[in-house]
N, C-alpha and C. Protein backbone atom coordinates (compact mmCIF):
# COMPACT_ATOMS: atom_id res chain seq x y z
N MET A 1 0.89 -1.16 -0.03
CA MET A 1 0.03 0.03 0.01
C MET A 1 0.87 1.31 0.00
N LYS A 2 0.57 2.14 -0.91
CA LYS A 2 1.39 3.44 -0.98
C LYS A 2 1.26 4.30 0.21
N GLU A 3 2.33 4.79 0.76
CA GLU A 3 2.32 5.67 1.80
C GLU A 3 1.75 7.09 1.43
N LYS A 4 1.03 7.67 2.27
CA LYS A 4 0.43 9.00 1.94
C LYS A 4 1.48 10.05 2.42
N CYS A 5 1.96 10.84 1.50
CA CYS A 5 2.85 11.93 1.71
C CYS A 5 2.18 13.29 1.47
N THR A 6 2.32 14.13 2.47
CA THR A 6 1.81 15.43 2.43
C THR A 6 2.99 16.50 2.52
N ALA A 7 2.88 17.51 1.63
CA ALA A 7 3.81 18.70 1.77
C ALA A 7 3.22 19.73 2.55
N ILE A 8 3.99 20.13 3.66
CA ILE A 8 3.53 21.36 4.40
C ILE A 8 4.51 22.46 3.94
N VAL A 9 3.89 23.46 3.16
CA VAL A 9 4.70 24.56 2.72
C VAL A 9 4.47 25.79 3.55
N LEU A 10 5.48 26.36 4.07
CA LEU A 10 5.40 27.44 5.01
C LEU A 10 5.51 28.83 4.21
N ALA A 11 4.55 29.66 4.45
CA ALA A 11 4.53 30.97 3.68
C ALA A 11 4.08 32.05 4.64
N ALA A 12 4.40 31.98 5.92
CA ALA A 12 3.96 32.90 6.85
C ALA A 12 5.04 33.92 7.25
N GLY A 13 6.25 33.75 6.78
CA GLY A 13 7.31 34.72 7.16
C GLY A 13 7.11 36.10 6.81
N GLN A 14 7.72 36.97 7.52
CA GLN A 14 7.61 38.44 7.29
C GLN A 14 8.66 39.01 6.38
N GLY A 15 9.84 38.41 6.20
CA GLY A 15 10.85 38.79 5.33
C GLY A 15 11.38 40.11 5.61
N LYS A 16 11.75 40.42 6.85
CA LYS A 16 12.16 41.85 7.19
C LYS A 16 13.47 42.16 6.53
N ARG A 17 14.30 41.21 6.29
CA ARG A 17 15.60 41.53 5.67
C ARG A 17 15.46 41.90 4.09
N MET A 18 14.24 41.62 3.51
CA MET A 18 14.10 42.01 2.15
C MET A 18 13.82 43.44 1.94
N GLY A 19 13.39 44.16 3.07
CA GLY A 19 13.24 45.57 2.92
C GLY A 19 12.13 45.92 2.00
N SER A 20 11.09 45.06 2.00
CA SER A 20 9.88 45.38 1.18
C SER A 20 8.62 45.28 1.81
N LYS A 21 7.59 45.90 1.44
CA LYS A 21 6.36 45.88 2.07
C LYS A 21 5.66 44.61 1.69
N ILE A 22 6.07 44.01 0.68
CA ILE A 22 5.52 42.64 0.27
C ILE A 22 6.36 41.51 0.90
N GLN A 23 5.68 40.56 1.47
CA GLN A 23 6.39 39.49 2.04
C GLN A 23 7.17 38.68 0.90
N LYS A 24 8.37 38.19 1.26
CA LYS A 24 9.32 37.63 0.32
C LYS A 24 8.71 36.54 -0.55
N GLN A 25 7.80 35.67 0.07
CA GLN A 25 7.24 34.64 -0.73
C GLN A 25 6.23 35.01 -1.74
N PHE A 26 5.79 36.22 -1.70
CA PHE A 26 4.89 36.83 -2.63
C PHE A 26 5.51 37.66 -3.75
N LEU A 27 6.78 38.02 -3.49
CA LEU A 27 7.55 38.80 -4.59
C LEU A 27 7.61 37.90 -5.72
N GLU A 28 7.76 38.64 -6.93
CA GLU A 28 7.68 37.86 -8.15
C GLU A 28 9.14 37.62 -8.79
N ILE A 29 9.25 36.43 -9.35
CA ILE A 29 10.46 36.09 -10.21
C ILE A 29 9.88 35.76 -11.63
N GLN A 30 10.23 36.56 -12.56
CA GLN A 30 9.75 36.36 -13.87
C GLN A 30 8.18 36.23 -13.95
N GLY A 31 7.60 37.20 -13.25
CA GLY A 31 6.19 37.32 -13.33
C GLY A 31 5.30 36.40 -12.45
N ARG A 32 5.96 35.67 -11.69
CA ARG A 32 5.30 34.69 -10.82
C ARG A 32 5.77 34.70 -9.38
N PRO A 33 4.89 34.54 -8.38
CA PRO A 33 5.44 34.73 -7.05
C PRO A 33 6.46 33.65 -6.67
N VAL A 34 7.33 33.89 -5.79
CA VAL A 34 8.34 32.95 -5.30
C VAL A 34 7.66 31.66 -4.76
N LEU A 35 6.56 31.89 -4.11
CA LEU A 35 5.79 30.63 -3.55
C LEU A 35 5.34 29.69 -4.69
N TYR A 36 4.99 30.23 -5.73
CA TYR A 36 4.44 29.38 -6.90
C TYR A 36 5.40 28.29 -7.28
N TYR A 37 6.71 28.55 -7.35
CA TYR A 37 7.57 27.50 -7.90
C TYR A 37 7.73 26.24 -7.10
N SER A 38 7.76 26.33 -5.80
CA SER A 38 7.90 25.10 -4.97
C SER A 38 6.45 24.40 -4.95
N LEU A 39 5.40 25.19 -4.91
CA LEU A 39 4.16 24.53 -4.96
C LEU A 39 3.92 23.73 -6.21
N VAL A 40 4.35 24.22 -7.37
CA VAL A 40 4.15 23.55 -8.59
C VAL A 40 5.06 22.24 -8.55
N CYS A 41 6.24 22.30 -7.97
CA CYS A 41 7.01 21.09 -7.97
C CYS A 41 6.39 20.09 -7.13
N PHE A 42 5.76 20.34 -5.98
CA PHE A 42 5.01 19.43 -5.15
C PHE A 42 3.71 18.85 -5.90
N GLU A 43 3.12 19.71 -6.60
CA GLU A 43 1.95 19.49 -7.44
C GLU A 43 2.31 18.37 -8.49
N ALA A 44 3.46 18.60 -9.09
CA ALA A 44 3.82 17.66 -10.14
C ALA A 44 4.41 16.34 -9.75
N SER A 45 4.79 16.31 -8.34
CA SER A 45 5.46 15.08 -7.88
C SER A 45 4.54 13.90 -7.64
N PRO A 46 4.83 12.69 -8.09
CA PRO A 46 3.94 11.54 -7.89
C PRO A 46 4.12 11.05 -6.46
N LEU A 47 5.12 11.55 -5.70
CA LEU A 47 5.14 11.23 -4.24
C LEU A 47 4.18 11.92 -3.35
N ILE A 48 3.78 13.11 -3.86
CA ILE A 48 2.99 13.93 -2.95
C ILE A 48 1.49 13.79 -3.33
N GLU A 49 0.67 13.48 -2.36
CA GLU A 49 -0.75 13.29 -2.47
C GLU A 49 -1.48 14.59 -2.13
N GLU A 50 -1.08 15.33 -1.13
CA GLU A 50 -1.76 16.59 -0.73
C GLU A 50 -0.69 17.66 -0.30
N ILE A 51 -1.13 18.87 -0.35
CA ILE A 51 -0.25 20.07 0.01
C ILE A 51 -1.10 20.83 1.03
N VAL A 52 -0.52 21.15 2.20
CA VAL A 52 -1.04 22.06 3.24
C VAL A 52 -0.26 23.33 3.12
N LEU A 53 -0.84 24.40 2.83
CA LEU A 53 -0.16 25.72 2.79
C LEU A 53 -0.41 26.51 4.08
N VAL A 54 0.69 26.86 4.74
CA VAL A 54 0.60 27.63 5.99
C VAL A 54 1.01 29.05 5.68
N THR A 55 0.23 30.01 6.02
CA THR A 55 0.45 31.43 5.79
C THR A 55 -0.16 32.29 6.85
N GLY A 56 0.09 33.65 6.74
CA GLY A 56 -0.57 34.48 7.70
C GLY A 56 -2.06 34.54 7.60
N LYS A 57 -2.72 34.80 8.69
CA LYS A 57 -4.25 34.75 8.70
C LYS A 57 -4.78 35.70 7.70
N ASP A 58 -4.07 36.82 7.57
CA ASP A 58 -4.58 37.85 6.68
C ASP A 58 -4.23 37.62 5.19
N CYS A 59 -3.50 36.53 4.88
CA CYS A 59 -3.05 36.19 3.54
C CYS A 59 -3.72 34.91 2.98
N ILE A 60 -4.53 34.34 3.76
CA ILE A 60 -5.25 33.06 3.32
C ILE A 60 -6.08 33.27 2.07
N GLU A 61 -6.88 34.40 2.04
CA GLU A 61 -7.78 34.75 0.83
C GLU A 61 -6.92 35.02 -0.41
N TYR A 62 -5.82 35.73 -0.16
CA TYR A 62 -4.92 36.11 -1.22
C TYR A 62 -4.25 34.81 -1.87
N CYS A 63 -3.83 33.91 -1.02
CA CYS A 63 -3.18 32.72 -1.47
C CYS A 63 -4.17 31.80 -2.24
N GLN A 64 -5.39 31.81 -1.73
CA GLN A 64 -6.46 30.91 -2.40
C GLN A 64 -6.75 31.43 -3.89
N LYS A 65 -6.95 32.73 -3.91
CA LYS A 65 -7.38 33.35 -5.18
C LYS A 65 -6.26 33.61 -6.19
N GLU A 66 -5.10 34.19 -5.71
CA GLU A 66 -3.96 34.61 -6.53
C GLU A 66 -3.01 33.53 -6.78
N ILE A 67 -2.99 32.49 -6.00
CA ILE A 67 -2.01 31.42 -6.24
C ILE A 67 -2.63 30.07 -6.54
N VAL A 68 -3.39 29.56 -5.53
CA VAL A 68 -3.95 28.20 -5.69
C VAL A 68 -5.01 28.19 -6.83
N ASP A 69 -5.96 29.07 -6.86
CA ASP A 69 -6.92 29.08 -7.92
C ASP A 69 -6.35 29.55 -9.30
N LYS A 70 -5.57 30.57 -9.21
CA LYS A 70 -4.99 31.19 -10.45
C LYS A 70 -4.19 30.15 -11.18
N TYR A 71 -3.41 29.36 -10.56
CA TYR A 71 -2.53 28.44 -11.14
C TYR A 71 -3.02 26.95 -11.10
N ASN A 72 -4.25 26.83 -10.66
CA ASN A 72 -4.96 25.48 -10.68
C ASN A 72 -4.13 24.47 -10.00
N LEU A 73 -3.79 24.76 -8.76
CA LEU A 73 -3.07 23.82 -7.89
C LEU A 73 -4.04 22.87 -7.15
N LYS A 74 -4.29 21.66 -7.72
CA LYS A 74 -5.38 20.82 -7.18
C LYS A 74 -4.97 20.13 -5.83
N LYS A 75 -3.74 19.96 -5.64
CA LYS A 75 -3.27 19.26 -4.47
C LYS A 75 -3.26 20.12 -3.15
N VAL A 76 -3.42 21.34 -3.31
CA VAL A 76 -3.50 22.26 -2.07
C VAL A 76 -4.86 22.02 -1.53
N VAL A 77 -4.97 21.20 -0.50
CA VAL A 77 -6.24 20.81 0.09
C VAL A 77 -6.64 21.74 1.32
N LYS A 78 -5.74 22.45 1.77
CA LYS A 78 -6.01 23.28 2.92
C LYS A 78 -4.95 24.43 3.03
N ILE A 79 -5.50 25.70 3.27
CA ILE A 79 -4.63 26.74 3.66
C ILE A 79 -4.94 27.20 5.14
N THR A 80 -4.00 27.10 5.88
CA THR A 80 -4.23 27.31 7.33
C THR A 80 -3.27 28.44 7.84
N ALA A 81 -3.74 29.09 8.97
CA ALA A 81 -3.00 30.21 9.50
C ALA A 81 -1.84 29.66 10.27
N GLY A 82 -0.68 30.37 10.14
CA GLY A 82 0.48 29.97 10.94
C GLY A 82 0.50 30.56 12.27
N GLY A 83 1.60 30.44 13.02
CA GLY A 83 1.71 30.96 14.36
C GLY A 83 2.76 32.07 14.38
N ARG A 84 3.12 32.47 15.65
CA ARG A 84 4.06 33.49 15.85
C ARG A 84 5.48 33.13 15.42
N GLU A 85 5.93 31.97 15.64
CA GLU A 85 7.22 31.44 15.30
C GLU A 85 7.15 30.36 14.26
N ARG A 86 8.25 30.05 13.64
CA ARG A 86 8.27 29.09 12.53
C ARG A 86 7.74 27.73 13.04
N TYR A 87 8.16 27.35 14.22
CA TYR A 87 7.80 26.02 14.72
C TYR A 87 6.35 25.98 15.07
N ASP A 88 5.67 27.16 15.38
CA ASP A 88 4.27 27.14 15.59
C ASP A 88 3.54 26.99 14.25
N SER A 89 4.12 27.53 13.22
CA SER A 89 3.44 27.28 11.86
C SER A 89 3.59 25.89 11.41
N VAL A 90 4.80 25.27 11.66
CA VAL A 90 4.92 23.74 11.36
C VAL A 90 3.95 22.98 12.18
N TYR A 91 3.73 23.31 13.45
CA TYR A 91 2.75 22.50 14.25
C TYR A 91 1.30 22.67 13.63
N ALA A 92 0.95 23.93 13.29
CA ALA A 92 -0.26 24.19 12.67
C ALA A 92 -0.42 23.26 11.43
N GLY A 93 0.57 23.16 10.58
CA GLY A 93 0.53 22.36 9.38
C GLY A 93 0.37 20.85 9.80
N LEU A 94 1.12 20.41 10.86
CA LEU A 94 0.96 19.08 11.17
C LEU A 94 -0.45 18.68 11.63
N LEU A 95 -1.01 19.63 12.42
CA LEU A 95 -2.46 19.37 12.81
C LEU A 95 -3.44 19.31 11.69
N ALA A 96 -3.00 19.92 10.54
CA ALA A 96 -4.04 19.90 9.32
C ALA A 96 -3.83 18.67 8.54
N CYS A 97 -2.86 17.76 8.87
CA CYS A 97 -2.68 16.61 7.89
C CYS A 97 -2.48 15.36 8.80
N GLU A 98 -3.30 15.15 9.72
CA GLU A 98 -3.09 14.04 10.70
C GLU A 98 -3.21 12.64 10.11
N ASN A 99 -3.75 12.52 8.92
CA ASN A 99 -3.91 11.24 8.29
C ASN A 99 -2.77 10.92 7.35
N SER A 100 -1.59 11.64 7.47
CA SER A 100 -0.43 11.37 6.60
C SER A 100 0.52 10.41 7.16
N ASP A 101 1.27 9.67 6.33
CA ASP A 101 2.32 8.76 6.75
C ASP A 101 3.63 9.56 6.80
N TYR A 102 3.89 10.44 5.85
CA TYR A 102 5.14 11.14 5.73
C TYR A 102 4.78 12.60 5.45
N VAL A 103 5.61 13.49 5.98
CA VAL A 103 5.46 14.97 5.69
C VAL A 103 6.71 15.54 5.17
N PHE A 104 6.65 16.35 4.13
CA PHE A 104 7.67 17.14 3.58
C PHE A 104 7.47 18.56 4.00
N ILE A 105 8.36 19.01 4.93
CA ILE A 105 8.17 20.38 5.41
C ILE A 105 9.20 21.34 4.67
N HIS A 106 8.60 22.35 4.02
CA HIS A 106 9.36 23.17 3.08
C HIS A 106 9.04 24.62 3.29
N ASP A 107 10.15 25.33 3.16
CA ASP A 107 10.09 26.90 3.17
C ASP A 107 9.61 27.37 1.82
N GLY A 108 8.51 28.17 1.83
CA GLY A 108 7.98 28.58 0.50
C GLY A 108 8.85 29.62 -0.12
N ALA A 109 9.84 30.09 0.60
CA ALA A 109 10.83 31.03 0.06
C ALA A 109 11.95 30.33 -0.72
N ARG A 110 11.95 29.03 -0.78
CA ARG A 110 12.93 28.25 -1.55
C ARG A 110 12.26 27.71 -2.77
N PRO A 111 12.40 28.44 -3.97
CA PRO A 111 11.65 28.07 -5.12
C PRO A 111 12.25 26.89 -5.99
N PHE A 112 13.53 26.58 -5.61
CA PHE A 112 14.22 25.71 -6.69
C PHE A 112 14.41 24.27 -6.24
N ILE A 113 13.46 23.67 -5.63
CA ILE A 113 13.41 22.20 -5.39
C ILE A 113 13.11 21.47 -6.66
N ASP A 114 13.42 20.24 -6.75
CA ASP A 114 13.15 19.46 -7.92
C ASP A 114 12.82 18.09 -7.51
N ALA A 115 12.34 17.27 -8.57
CA ALA A 115 11.89 15.91 -8.36
C ALA A 115 12.98 15.04 -7.75
N GLN A 116 14.23 15.25 -8.17
CA GLN A 116 15.36 14.44 -7.65
C GLN A 116 15.58 14.68 -6.06
N ILE A 117 15.49 15.88 -5.73
CA ILE A 117 15.61 16.26 -4.30
C ILE A 117 14.60 15.56 -3.43
N LEU A 118 13.29 15.59 -3.93
CA LEU A 118 12.20 15.02 -3.24
C LEU A 118 12.41 13.45 -3.14
N GLU A 119 12.88 12.89 -4.23
CA GLU A 119 12.97 11.43 -4.15
C GLU A 119 14.13 11.02 -3.24
N ARG A 120 15.30 11.73 -3.28
CA ARG A 120 16.30 11.44 -2.29
C ARG A 120 15.92 11.55 -0.87
N ALA A 121 15.21 12.65 -0.52
CA ALA A 121 14.80 12.93 0.77
C ALA A 121 13.72 11.85 1.31
N PHE A 122 12.93 11.56 0.44
CA PHE A 122 11.82 10.52 0.81
C PHE A 122 12.50 9.14 1.02
N GLY A 123 13.45 8.84 0.23
CA GLY A 123 14.11 7.51 0.48
C GLY A 123 14.86 7.49 1.80
N ALA A 124 15.52 8.63 2.21
CA ALA A 124 16.16 8.59 3.45
C ALA A 124 15.09 8.59 4.63
N ALA A 125 14.02 9.32 4.47
CA ALA A 125 12.95 9.30 5.54
C ALA A 125 12.40 7.93 5.74
N LYS A 126 12.23 7.19 4.68
CA LYS A 126 11.60 5.87 4.76
C LYS A 126 12.67 4.94 5.51
N GLU A 127 13.93 5.20 5.22
CA GLU A 127 14.95 4.32 5.88
C GLU A 127 15.10 4.75 7.36
N CYS A 128 15.08 5.93 7.70
CA CYS A 128 15.57 6.43 9.09
C CYS A 128 14.42 7.07 9.87
N GLY A 129 13.39 7.56 9.18
CA GLY A 129 12.25 8.28 9.87
C GLY A 129 12.40 9.64 9.91
N ALA A 130 13.65 10.23 9.61
CA ALA A 130 13.91 11.71 9.66
C ALA A 130 14.99 11.99 8.74
N CYS A 131 14.76 13.00 7.94
CA CYS A 131 15.72 13.44 6.95
C CYS A 131 15.80 14.98 6.78
N ALA A 132 17.02 15.49 6.62
CA ALA A 132 17.21 16.92 6.39
C ALA A 132 17.97 17.11 5.05
N VAL A 133 17.47 17.97 4.19
CA VAL A 133 18.21 18.20 2.99
C VAL A 133 19.30 19.28 3.17
N GLY A 134 20.41 19.20 2.53
CA GLY A 134 21.41 20.23 2.69
C GLY A 134 22.53 20.03 1.73
N MET A 135 23.52 20.84 1.82
CA MET A 135 24.78 20.71 0.96
C MET A 135 25.99 20.91 1.83
N PRO A 136 27.08 20.12 1.48
CA PRO A 136 28.33 20.29 2.14
C PRO A 136 28.78 21.66 1.99
N SER A 137 29.33 22.35 3.07
CA SER A 137 29.66 23.72 2.95
C SER A 137 30.80 23.90 2.02
N LYS A 138 30.81 24.93 1.22
CA LYS A 138 31.89 25.29 0.30
C LYS A 138 32.90 26.05 1.10
N ASP A 139 32.67 26.62 2.18
CA ASP A 139 33.40 27.58 2.89
C ASP A 139 34.00 27.01 4.22
N THR A 140 35.11 27.45 4.62
CA THR A 140 35.61 27.11 6.00
C THR A 140 34.70 27.91 6.95
N VAL A 141 34.27 27.29 8.01
CA VAL A 141 33.45 27.81 8.97
C VAL A 141 34.11 27.99 10.28
N LYS A 142 34.05 29.13 10.88
CA LYS A 142 34.66 29.45 12.21
C LYS A 142 33.42 29.58 13.30
N ILE A 143 33.81 28.92 14.44
CA ILE A 143 32.94 29.17 15.62
C ILE A 143 33.50 30.33 16.45
N ALA A 144 32.73 31.39 16.75
CA ALA A 144 33.24 32.46 17.56
C ALA A 144 32.72 32.33 18.87
N ASP A 145 33.54 32.95 19.79
CA ASP A 145 33.06 33.01 21.20
C ASP A 145 32.21 34.27 21.46
N GLU A 146 31.88 34.55 22.67
CA GLU A 146 30.91 35.69 22.96
C GLU A 146 31.59 37.06 22.76
N ASN A 147 32.97 37.05 22.56
CA ASN A 147 33.73 38.25 22.36
C ASN A 147 34.06 38.46 20.92
N GLY A 148 33.75 37.55 20.04
CA GLY A 148 33.91 37.68 18.53
C GLY A 148 35.31 37.07 18.15
N TYR A 149 35.98 36.35 19.05
CA TYR A 149 37.20 35.68 18.78
C TYR A 149 36.98 34.17 18.33
N VAL A 150 37.84 33.74 17.50
CA VAL A 150 37.68 32.33 16.95
C VAL A 150 37.86 31.35 18.14
N ALA A 151 36.83 30.51 18.37
CA ALA A 151 36.93 29.46 19.40
C ALA A 151 37.25 28.07 18.84
N ASP A 152 36.87 27.84 17.59
CA ASP A 152 37.04 26.59 16.99
C ASP A 152 36.87 26.70 15.44
N THR A 153 37.52 25.80 14.85
CA THR A 153 37.36 25.68 13.37
C THR A 153 36.97 24.15 12.96
N PRO A 154 35.68 23.90 12.74
CA PRO A 154 35.29 22.45 12.55
C PRO A 154 35.71 22.01 11.12
N ASP A 155 36.01 20.76 11.01
CA ASP A 155 36.50 20.17 9.85
C ASP A 155 35.34 20.43 8.71
N ARG A 156 35.73 21.08 7.62
CA ARG A 156 34.73 21.45 6.71
C ARG A 156 33.98 20.16 6.06
N LYS A 157 34.73 19.08 6.07
CA LYS A 157 34.10 17.79 5.49
C LYS A 157 32.86 17.40 6.33
N THR A 158 32.77 17.93 7.57
CA THR A 158 31.54 17.52 8.42
C THR A 158 30.46 18.61 8.55
N VAL A 159 30.78 19.71 7.79
CA VAL A 159 29.84 20.95 7.90
C VAL A 159 28.85 20.92 6.68
N TRP A 160 27.66 21.01 6.95
CA TRP A 160 26.63 21.17 5.97
C TRP A 160 25.80 22.45 6.17
N THR A 161 25.35 23.04 5.07
CA THR A 161 24.35 24.07 5.20
C THR A 161 23.00 23.43 4.88
N ILE A 162 22.08 23.79 5.84
CA ILE A 162 20.77 23.11 5.85
C ILE A 162 19.77 23.80 4.95
N GLN A 163 19.05 23.02 4.30
CA GLN A 163 17.89 23.40 3.37
C GLN A 163 16.68 22.81 3.78
N THR A 164 15.63 23.03 2.96
CA THR A 164 14.41 22.17 2.97
C THR A 164 14.14 21.81 1.63
N PRO A 165 13.22 20.71 1.48
CA PRO A 165 12.37 20.17 2.48
C PRO A 165 13.13 19.20 3.49
N GLN A 166 12.55 19.18 4.68
CA GLN A 166 12.93 18.17 5.65
C GLN A 166 11.78 17.27 5.79
N VAL A 167 12.11 15.89 5.65
CA VAL A 167 11.04 14.93 5.54
C VAL A 167 11.13 13.93 6.67
N PHE A 168 9.94 13.68 7.21
CA PHE A 168 9.77 12.87 8.41
C PHE A 168 8.59 11.87 8.37
N ALA A 169 8.69 10.75 8.99
CA ALA A 169 7.53 9.98 9.20
C ALA A 169 6.59 10.84 10.10
N TYR A 170 5.33 10.87 9.77
CA TYR A 170 4.36 11.79 10.51
C TYR A 170 4.55 11.56 12.08
N ASP A 171 4.43 10.32 12.43
CA ASP A 171 4.35 10.02 13.85
C ASP A 171 5.72 10.55 14.60
N VAL A 172 6.80 10.40 13.87
CA VAL A 172 8.06 10.86 14.48
C VAL A 172 7.99 12.42 14.69
N ILE A 173 7.69 13.20 13.70
CA ILE A 173 7.75 14.64 13.83
C ILE A 173 6.54 15.12 14.76
N ARG A 174 5.45 14.47 14.65
CA ARG A 174 4.27 14.93 15.51
C ARG A 174 4.67 14.63 16.98
N GLN A 175 5.21 13.49 17.28
CA GLN A 175 5.54 13.11 18.70
C GLN A 175 6.56 14.01 19.28
N ALA A 176 7.60 14.31 18.42
CA ALA A 176 8.67 15.18 18.79
C ALA A 176 8.16 16.59 19.15
N HIS A 177 7.23 17.08 18.32
CA HIS A 177 6.69 18.43 18.52
C HIS A 177 5.80 18.36 19.90
N GLU A 178 5.05 17.42 20.04
CA GLU A 178 4.24 17.28 21.26
C GLU A 178 5.09 17.31 22.54
N GLU A 179 6.24 16.53 22.42
CA GLU A 179 6.98 16.41 23.62
C GLU A 179 7.76 17.71 23.90
N ILE A 180 8.44 18.30 22.85
CA ILE A 180 9.33 19.51 23.09
C ILE A 180 8.41 20.70 23.47
N ARG A 181 7.22 20.73 23.09
CA ARG A 181 6.44 21.88 23.36
C ARG A 181 6.01 21.94 24.86
N ARG A 182 6.18 20.81 25.59
CA ARG A 182 5.93 20.85 26.98
C ARG A 182 7.07 21.56 27.79
N GLY A 183 8.13 21.72 27.10
CA GLY A 183 9.23 22.53 27.73
C GLY A 183 9.52 23.83 27.00
N THR A 184 10.80 24.07 26.66
CA THR A 184 11.16 25.30 26.00
C THR A 184 11.43 25.04 24.56
N MET A 185 11.11 26.03 23.65
CA MET A 185 11.40 25.91 22.27
C MET A 185 12.50 26.90 21.92
N GLN A 186 13.14 27.38 22.90
CA GLN A 186 14.16 28.44 22.65
C GLN A 186 15.30 27.83 21.81
N GLY A 187 15.70 28.57 20.74
CA GLY A 187 16.80 28.12 19.97
C GLY A 187 16.44 27.19 18.82
N ILE A 188 15.17 26.86 18.73
CA ILE A 188 14.78 25.87 17.64
C ILE A 188 14.67 26.73 16.34
N THR A 189 15.46 26.32 15.35
CA THR A 189 15.42 27.07 14.12
C THR A 189 15.03 26.27 12.92
N ASP A 190 15.00 24.97 12.96
CA ASP A 190 14.49 24.16 11.93
C ASP A 190 13.85 22.86 12.49
N ASP A 191 13.22 22.11 11.65
CA ASP A 191 12.47 21.00 12.09
C ASP A 191 13.28 19.86 12.55
N ALA A 192 14.43 19.69 11.93
CA ALA A 192 15.35 18.62 12.41
C ALA A 192 15.77 18.74 13.87
N MET A 193 15.95 20.04 14.31
CA MET A 193 16.31 20.27 15.73
C MET A 193 15.22 19.69 16.65
N VAL A 194 14.03 19.72 16.32
CA VAL A 194 12.91 19.26 17.17
C VAL A 194 13.15 17.86 17.44
N VAL A 195 13.45 17.01 16.31
CA VAL A 195 13.64 15.60 16.44
C VAL A 195 14.98 15.26 17.11
N GLU A 196 15.98 16.09 16.87
CA GLU A 196 17.29 15.94 17.40
C GLU A 196 17.24 16.04 18.94
N GLN A 197 16.60 17.05 19.41
CA GLN A 197 16.41 17.38 20.85
C GLN A 197 15.68 16.29 21.49
N GLN A 198 14.74 15.66 20.90
CA GLN A 198 13.98 14.62 21.46
C GLN A 198 14.92 13.36 21.81
N GLY A 199 15.84 13.17 20.92
CA GLY A 199 16.86 12.14 21.05
C GLY A 199 16.48 10.67 20.71
N LYS A 200 15.34 10.48 20.08
CA LYS A 200 14.87 9.09 19.74
C LYS A 200 15.25 8.64 18.39
N TYR A 201 15.49 9.69 17.48
CA TYR A 201 15.81 9.36 16.06
C TYR A 201 16.98 10.19 15.58
N ARG A 202 17.87 9.58 14.86
CA ARG A 202 18.94 10.34 14.19
C ARG A 202 18.45 10.87 12.90
N VAL A 203 18.85 12.03 12.52
CA VAL A 203 18.42 12.68 11.29
C VAL A 203 19.42 12.50 10.22
N LYS A 204 18.99 11.84 9.16
CA LYS A 204 19.88 11.55 8.00
C LYS A 204 19.97 12.72 7.17
N MET A 205 21.26 13.09 6.69
CA MET A 205 21.51 14.20 5.84
C MET A 205 21.55 13.64 4.33
N VAL A 206 20.91 14.26 3.45
CA VAL A 206 20.97 13.97 2.08
C VAL A 206 21.21 15.19 1.28
N GLU A 207 21.77 15.20 0.10
CA GLU A 207 22.11 16.29 -0.68
C GLU A 207 20.92 16.99 -1.38
N GLY A 208 20.80 18.24 -1.23
CA GLY A 208 19.76 18.95 -1.94
C GLY A 208 20.41 19.50 -3.26
N SER A 209 20.65 20.78 -3.33
CA SER A 209 21.26 21.43 -4.43
C SER A 209 21.76 22.74 -4.13
N TYR A 210 22.93 23.22 -4.61
CA TYR A 210 23.44 24.54 -4.38
C TYR A 210 22.49 25.57 -4.90
N LYS A 211 21.63 25.23 -5.79
CA LYS A 211 20.66 26.16 -6.35
C LYS A 211 19.44 26.29 -5.40
N ASN A 212 19.34 25.31 -4.42
CA ASN A 212 18.09 25.36 -3.52
C ASN A 212 18.22 26.35 -2.54
N MET A 213 18.26 27.65 -3.01
CA MET A 213 18.53 28.82 -2.06
C MET A 213 17.20 29.36 -1.48
N LYS A 214 17.45 30.07 -0.44
CA LYS A 214 16.30 30.72 0.28
C LYS A 214 16.32 32.22 -0.20
N ILE A 215 15.20 32.68 -0.65
CA ILE A 215 15.04 34.09 -0.98
C ILE A 215 14.95 34.86 0.28
N THR A 216 15.94 35.71 0.65
CA THR A 216 15.97 36.46 1.85
C THR A 216 16.27 37.91 1.71
N THR A 217 17.20 38.25 0.81
CA THR A 217 17.55 39.54 0.51
C THR A 217 17.37 39.96 -0.94
N PRO A 218 17.36 41.24 -1.27
CA PRO A 218 17.13 41.67 -2.72
C PRO A 218 18.13 40.99 -3.63
N GLU A 219 19.40 40.86 -3.22
CA GLU A 219 20.37 40.28 -4.06
C GLU A 219 20.02 38.77 -4.45
N ASP A 220 19.20 38.08 -3.55
CA ASP A 220 18.77 36.75 -3.75
C ASP A 220 17.83 36.71 -4.98
N LEU A 221 17.03 37.75 -5.14
CA LEU A 221 16.08 37.80 -6.25
C LEU A 221 16.82 37.84 -7.52
N LEU A 222 17.98 38.61 -7.58
CA LEU A 222 18.71 38.73 -8.84
C LEU A 222 19.36 37.30 -9.08
N VAL A 223 19.83 36.61 -8.17
CA VAL A 223 20.41 35.28 -8.42
C VAL A 223 19.30 34.33 -8.93
N ALA A 224 18.14 34.47 -8.32
CA ALA A 224 17.00 33.55 -8.73
C ALA A 224 16.61 33.80 -10.20
N GLU A 225 16.53 35.06 -10.51
CA GLU A 225 16.25 35.42 -11.87
C GLU A 225 17.25 34.80 -12.83
N SER A 226 18.49 34.78 -12.49
CA SER A 226 19.55 34.19 -13.38
C SER A 226 19.31 32.67 -13.56
N PHE A 227 19.06 32.13 -12.44
CA PHE A 227 18.67 30.64 -12.40
C PHE A 227 17.47 30.36 -13.39
N LEU A 228 16.49 31.02 -13.32
CA LEU A 228 15.29 30.76 -14.13
C LEU A 228 15.66 31.08 -15.67
N LYS A 229 16.51 32.03 -15.91
CA LYS A 229 16.88 32.28 -17.33
C LYS A 229 17.62 31.09 -17.96
N GLU A 230 18.41 30.35 -17.05
CA GLU A 230 19.13 29.18 -17.49
C GLU A 230 18.18 28.09 -18.01
């Protein structure tokens, strides 16, 4: 029996570093919103049965009319309001897809995922229960102390820059969220950390793509435009 996979796409960020009144996921690249591109990838994937879109409460109508309806995205079964923090939005998405076997949690500001990334991530999640997409760091990384001096230089071969989607067996990520929310969520910056801190499952790293960038600053939009022109 085929496992039911749901994509939870997060589009509730404010994008303060973009310096725009328009949220970064709704800015356009070649005439279409940033959010459109990842949704279309999930829509086309045979792995994905449903998509849950998590956005700001005041953006639900816009997303429905100007993205889901406009581009005929049939797999988007629910648009739900996110929370104050990213992990609150993820939890809202999890509550909206309780009948899933696996979930692909993805930042809507990352437009350049592809079918191969989804397949690699799903394979790892089926094997281990928890997977994070990323790429080996191209740069040497320094760990600084509280005074700004170098405290350590980790071996670059062990350093990855983390991307999304991050893929989990539904029960694994839901239970991890339930348990960690009873304590403190301080310092949680991605979904893998929720599972890591619970300590019951190891998170498998798989390669995404160096093109799988997150649109954060105006310069990122220029890079994204060049990728699409290719």
